[in-house]
Amino acid sequence: MTYPPLPGPDGVYPPPPDPPIQAYQPPPQQQAYQPPPQQYGYDYGSPYSQSAPAYPAPGYPAYPYASPRPTEGLAIASLVISCAGVLGLCLWSIGGLLGIVGAILGHVARRRIRASGAGGSGLALAGIIVGWVITGVAVLGALALVLMIINSESTGG
């Protein structure tokens, strides 16, 4: 074949040939990168190594996580009942009774947490604090109501 191609008998150049078509080839498989064992000063692949690294090397998991401690159910109940006591102050001082129950549950929960090592000490402490504060507010409200009744009767109103 000559370059450039010669025109045909009618004076028109022939079309260029089609490019060759290649068969489908899947992309090459990529392998996960694994650093050489001696790169970090510790042979992770050898079960007979004598020393552990000072810190976990990149790409390798750190020490396994410890499972979380279960939360004491009474601690949750203490905080929930004490917080319900806040709303109960508006309902004929029922909040004072709920505050006492919440605080007592908090004390029992803290004792059980110390004995068993379960979680939730902060929840129990919050239940104790909120419970006794609500009880104090309810007692002060009841005293104020009694004093108002006494003062209104003594003035003849």
C-alpha atoms as a PDB file:
ATOM      1  CA  MET A   1       0.000   0.000   0.000  1.00  0.00           C
ATOM      2  CA  THR A   2       1.284   3.411  -0.798  1.00  0.00           C
ATOM      3  CA  TYR A   3       1.097   6.464   1.323  1.00  0.00           C
ATOM      4  CA  PRO A   4      -0.965   8.569   0.756  1.00  0.00           C
ATOM      5  CA  PRO A   5      -3.428   6.261  -0.950  1.00  0.00           C
ATOM      6  CA  LEU A   6      -4.020   6.860  -4.614  1.00  0.00           C
ATOM      7  CA  PRO A   7      -7.440   8.121  -5.682  1.00  0.00           C
ATOM      8  CA  GLY A   8      -9.836   5.664  -7.281  1.00  0.00           C
ATOM      9  CA  PRO A   9     -10.893   5.773 -10.984  1.00  0.00           C
ATOM     10  CA  ASP A  10     -13.608   8.290 -10.185  1.00  0.00           C
ATOM     11  CA  GLY A  11     -11.114  10.603  -8.401  1.00  0.00           C
ATOM     12  CA  VAL A  12     -12.369   9.961  -4.860  1.00  0.00           C
ATOM     13  CA  TYR A  13     -10.022   8.805  -2.157  1.00  0.00           C
ATOM     14  CA  PRO A  14     -11.015   5.576  -0.386  1.00  0.00           C
ATOM     15  CA  PRO A  15     -12.109   5.794   3.281  1.00  0.00           C
ATOM     16  CA  PRO A  16      -9.488   5.034   5.885  1.00  0.00           C
ATOM     17  CA  PRO A  17      -9.471   1.498   7.247  1.00  0.00           C
ATOM     18  CA  ASP A  18     -11.279   0.764  10.543  1.00  0.00           C
ATOM     19  CA  PRO A  19      -9.068   0.623  13.624  1.00  0.00           C
ATOM     20  CA  PRO A  20      -8.493  -2.867  14.996  1.00  0.00           C
ATOM     21  CA  ILE A  21     -10.945  -3.912  17.743  1.00  0.00           C
ATOM     22  CA  GLN A  22      -9.441  -5.435  20.858  1.00  0.00           C
ATOM     23  CA  ALA A  23     -11.269  -8.107  22.814  1.00  0.00           C
ATOM     24  CA  TYR A  24     -12.556  -7.227  26.334  1.00  0.00           C
ATOM     25  CA  GLN A  25      -9.992  -7.732  29.040  1.00  0.00           C
ATOM     26  CA  PRO A  26     -11.048  -7.421  32.703  1.00  0.00           C
ATOM     27  CA  PRO A  27      -9.066  -4.952  34.804  1.00  0.00           C
ATOM     28  CA  PRO A  28      -6.173  -6.484  36.734  1.00  0.00           C
ATOM     29  CA  GLN A  29      -6.913  -7.622  40.285  1.00  0.00           C
ATOM     30  CA  GLN A  30      -5.531  -5.292  42.942  1.00  0.00           C
ATOM     31  CA  GLN A  31      -4.043  -6.880  46.002  1.00  0.00           C
ATOM     32  CA  ALA A  32      -4.237  -5.270  49.426  1.00  0.00           C
ATOM     33  CA  TYR A  33      -1.075  -3.484  50.438  1.00  0.00           C
ATOM     34  CA  GLN A  34       0.913  -5.268  53.105  1.00  0.00           C
ATOM     35  CA  PRO A  35       3.980  -3.517  54.482  1.00  0.00           C
ATOM     36  CA  PRO A  36       7.125  -5.572  54.812  1.00  0.00           C
ATOM     37  CA  PRO A  37       7.345  -7.155  58.284  1.00  0.00           C
ATOM     38  CA  GLN A  38      10.696  -5.596  59.255  1.00  0.00           C
ATOM     39  CA  GLN A  39       9.643  -2.077  58.248  1.00  0.00           C
ATOM     40  CA  TYR A  40       8.283  -1.293  61.713  1.00  0.00           C
ATOM     41  CA  GLY A  41      10.776  -3.300  63.738  1.00  0.00           C
ATOM     42  CA  TYR A  42       8.411  -6.145  64.594  1.00  0.00           C
ATOM     43  CA  ASP A  43       7.635  -9.325  62.710  1.00  0.00           C
ATOM     44  CA  TYR A  44       3.835  -9.585  62.854  1.00  0.00           C
ATOM     45  CA  GLY A  45       3.762 -12.815  60.886  1.00  0.00           C
ATOM     46  CA  SER A  46       6.068 -14.833  63.127  1.00  0.00           C
ATOM     47  CA  PRO A  47       4.431 -16.607  66.080  1.00  0.00           C
ATOM     48  CA  TYR A  48       7.869 -16.932  67.727  1.00  0.00           C
ATOM     49  CA  SER A  49       8.679 -13.215  68.086  1.00  0.00           C
ATOM     50  CA  GLN A  50      10.022 -12.213  71.455  1.00  0.00           C
ATOM     51  CA  SER A  51       8.928  -8.589  71.867  1.00  0.00           C
ATOM     52  CA  ALA A  52       5.819  -6.572  71.060  1.00  0.00           C
ATOM     53  CA  PRO A  53       5.959  -3.112  69.484  1.00  0.00           C
ATOM     54  CA  ALA A  54       5.682   0.002  71.645  1.00  0.00           C
ATOM     55  CA  TYR A  55       2.656   1.099  69.631  1.00  0.00           C
ATOM     56  CA  PRO A  56       0.423  -0.610  67.071  1.00  0.00           C
ATOM     57  CA  ALA A  57       1.849  -0.353  63.577  1.00  0.00           C
ATOM     58  CA  PRO A  58      -0.279   1.285  60.880  1.00  0.00           C
ATOM     59  CA  GLY A  59      -2.572  -1.148  59.128  1.00  0.00           C
ATOM     60  CA  TYR A  60      -2.763  -3.565  62.040  1.00  0.00           C
ATOM     61  CA  PRO A  61      -5.529  -3.573  64.650  1.00  0.00           C
ATOM     62  CA  ALA A  62      -4.771  -2.257  68.103  1.00  0.00           C
ATOM     63  CA  TYR A  63      -5.550  -4.267  71.188  1.00  0.00           C
ATOM     64  CA  PRO A  64      -9.103  -5.642  71.249  1.00  0.00           C
ATOM     65  CA  TYR A  65     -11.717  -3.436  72.839  1.00  0.00           C
ATOM     66  CA  ALA A  66     -13.047  -4.342  76.241  1.00  0.00           C
ATOM     67  CA  SER A  67     -16.770  -4.970  76.325  1.00  0.00           C
ATOM     68  CA  PRO A  68     -18.697  -2.117  77.953  1.00  0.00           C
ATOM     69  CA  ARG A  69     -19.962  -2.644  81.471  1.00  0.00           C
ATOM     70  CA  PRO A  70     -23.725  -3.100  81.761  1.00  0.00           C
ATOM     71  CA  THR A  71     -25.614  -0.137  83.202  1.00  0.00           C
ATOM     72  CA  GLU A  72     -27.449  -0.708  86.453  1.00  0.00           C
ATOM     73  CA  GLY A  73     -31.201  -0.575  85.805  1.00  0.00           C
ATOM     74  CA  LEU A  74     -31.988   1.029  89.159  1.00  0.00           C
ATOM     75  CA  ALA A  75     -29.712   3.949  88.283  1.00  0.00           C
ATOM     76  CA  ILE A  76     -31.725   4.642  85.140  1.00  0.00           C
ATOM     77  CA  ALA A  77     -34.988   4.249  87.056  1.00  0.00           C
ATOM     78  CA  SER A  78     -33.745   6.620  89.743  1.00  0.00           C
ATOM     79  CA  LEU A  79     -33.019   9.392  87.273  1.00  0.00           C
ATOM     80  CA  VAL A  80     -36.265   8.864  85.332  1.00  0.00           C
ATOM     81  CA  ILE A  81     -38.449   8.903  88.463  1.00  0.00           C
ATOM     82  CA  SER A  82     -36.631  11.926  89.886  1.00  0.00           C
ATOM     83  CA  CYS A  83     -37.116  13.828  86.620  1.00  0.00           C
ATOM     84  CA  ALA A  84     -40.795  12.812  86.603  1.00  0.00           C
ATOM     85  CA  GLY A  85     -40.951  14.386  90.063  1.00  0.00           C
ATOM     86  CA  VAL A  86     -40.116  17.747  88.498  1.00  0.00           C
ATOM     87  CA  LEU A  87     -43.322  17.512  86.457  1.00  0.00           C
ATOM     88  CA  GLY A  88     -45.164  16.105  89.466  1.00  0.00           C
ATOM     89  CA  LEU A  89     -44.601  19.301  91.471  1.00  0.00           C
ATOM     90  CA  CYS A  90     -47.369  20.874  89.425  1.00  0.00           C
ATOM     91  CA  LEU A  91     -49.791  18.058  90.310  1.00  0.00           C
ATOM     92  CA  TRP A  92     -50.685  18.522  93.996  1.00  0.00           C
ATOM     93  CA  SER A  93     -47.086  17.996  95.200  1.00  0.00           C
ATOM     94  CA  ILE A  94     -46.883  14.420  93.928  1.00  0.00           C
ATOM     95  CA  GLY A  95     -43.389  15.448  92.851  1.00  0.00           C
ATOM     96  CA  GLY A  96     -42.224  15.381  96.470  1.00  0.00           C
ATOM     97  CA  LEU A  97     -43.141  11.710  96.765  1.00  0.00           C
ATOM     98  CA  LEU A  98     -41.552  10.897  93.413  1.00  0.00           C
ATOM     99  CA  GLY A  99     -38.423  12.761  94.488  1.00  0.00           C
ATOM    100  CA  ILE A 100     -38.111  10.645  97.630  1.00  0.00           C
ATOM    101  CA  VAL A 101     -38.594   7.421  95.645  1.00  0.00           C
ATOM    102  CA  GLY A 102     -36.038   8.534  93.031  1.00  0.00           C
ATOM    103  CA  ALA A 103     -33.460   9.466  95.659  1.00  0.00           C
ATOM    104  CA  ILE A 104     -33.861   6.173  97.523  1.00  0.00           C
ATOM    105  CA  LEU A 105     -33.551   4.213  94.277  1.00  0.00           C
ATOM    106  CA  GLY A 106     -30.386   6.179  93.530  1.00  0.00           C
ATOM    107  CA  HIS A 107     -28.850   5.234  96.886  1.00  0.00           C
ATOM    108  CA  VAL A 108     -29.712   1.555  96.370  1.00  0.00           C
ATOM    109  CA  ALA A 109     -28.308   1.671  92.824  1.00  0.00           C
ATOM    110  CA  ARG A 110     -25.008   3.175  94.003  1.00  0.00           C
ATOM    111  CA  ARG A 111     -24.635   0.443  96.622  1.00  0.00           C
ATOM    112  CA  ARG A 112     -25.298  -2.252  93.992  1.00  0.00           C
ATOM    113  CA  ILE A 113     -22.857  -0.602  91.555  1.00  0.00           C
ATOM    114  CA  ARG A 114     -20.092  -0.609  94.162  1.00  0.00           C
ATOM    115  CA  ALA A 115     -20.719  -4.298  94.841  1.00  0.00           C
ATOM    116  CA  SER A 116     -21.007  -5.506  91.238  1.00  0.00           C
ATOM    117  CA  GLY A 117     -18.796  -3.044  89.329  1.00  0.00           C
ATOM    118  CA  ALA A 118     -21.563  -2.255  86.815  1.00  0.00           C
ATOM    119  CA  GLY A 119     -21.869   1.119  85.101  1.00  0.00           C
ATOM    120  CA  GLY A 120     -24.309   3.934  85.823  1.00  0.00           C
ATOM    121  CA  SER A 121     -22.821   5.547  88.918  1.00  0.00           C
ATOM    122  CA  GLY A 122     -23.283   9.010  87.410  1.00  0.00           C
ATOM    123  CA  LEU A 123     -26.913   8.307  86.572  1.00  0.00           C
ATOM    124  CA  ALA A 124     -27.562   7.159  90.130  1.00  0.00           C
ATOM    125  CA  LEU A 125     -25.862  10.263  91.557  1.00  0.00           C
ATOM    126  CA  ALA A 126     -27.923  12.526  89.300  1.00  0.00           C
ATOM    127  CA  GLY A 127     -31.085  10.715  90.416  1.00  0.00           C
ATOM    128  CA  ILE A 128     -30.125  11.243  94.057  1.00  0.00           C
ATOM    129  CA  ILE A 129     -29.420  14.949  93.601  1.00  0.00           C
ATOM    130  CA  VAL A 130     -32.531  15.685  91.542  1.00  0.00           C
ATOM    131  CA  GLY A 131     -34.699  13.583  93.867  1.00  0.00           C
ATOM    132  CA  TRP A 132     -33.615  15.341  97.060  1.00  0.00           C
ATOM    133  CA  VAL A 133     -33.821  18.788  95.442  1.00  0.00           C
ATOM    134  CA  ILE A 134     -37.376  18.089  94.270  1.00  0.00           C
ATOM    135  CA  THR A 135     -38.271  16.773  97.720  1.00  0.00           C
ATOM    136  CA  GLY A 136     -36.870  19.939  99.308  1.00  0.00           C
ATOM    137  CA  VAL A 137     -38.809  22.168  96.923  1.00  0.00           C
ATOM    138  CA  ALA A 138     -42.004  20.212  97.642  1.00  0.00           C
ATOM    139  CA  VAL A 139     -41.463  20.503 101.420  1.00  0.00           C
ATOM    140  CA  LEU A 140     -40.806  24.254 101.140  1.00  0.00           C
ATOM    141  CA  GLY A 141     -43.919  24.634  98.989  1.00  0.00           C
ATOM    142  CA  ALA A 142     -46.015  22.704 101.511  1.00  0.00           C
ATOM    143  CA  LEU A 143     -44.663  24.843 104.390  1.00  0.00           C
ATOM    144  CA  ALA A 144     -45.428  28.033 102.467  1.00  0.00           C
ATOM    145  CA  LEU A 145     -48.973  26.814 101.807  1.00  0.00           C
ATOM    146  CA  VAL A 146     -49.514  25.961 105.501  1.00  0.00           C
ATOM    147  CA  LEU A 147     -48.155  29.363 106.593  1.00  0.00           C
ATOM    148  CA  MET A 148     -50.433  31.140 104.120  1.00  0.00           C
ATOM    149  CA  ILE A 149     -53.446  29.258 105.485  1.00  0.00           C
ATOM    150  CA  ILE A 150     -52.498  30.044 109.097  1.00  0.00           C
ATOM    151  CA  ASN A 151     -51.928  33.738 108.330  1.00  0.00           C
ATOM    152  CA  SER A 152     -55.208  34.077 106.450  1.00  0.00           C
ATOM    153  CA  GLU A 153     -57.188  32.505 109.326  1.00  0.00           C
ATOM    154  CA  SER A 154     -55.493  34.641 112.004  1.00  0.00           C
ATOM    155  CA  THR A 155     -56.220  37.882 110.163  1.00  0.00           C
ATOM    156  CA  GLY A 156     -59.876  36.980 109.937  1.00  0.00           C
ATOM    157  CA  GLY A 157     -59.941  36.800 106.166  1.00  0.00           C
END
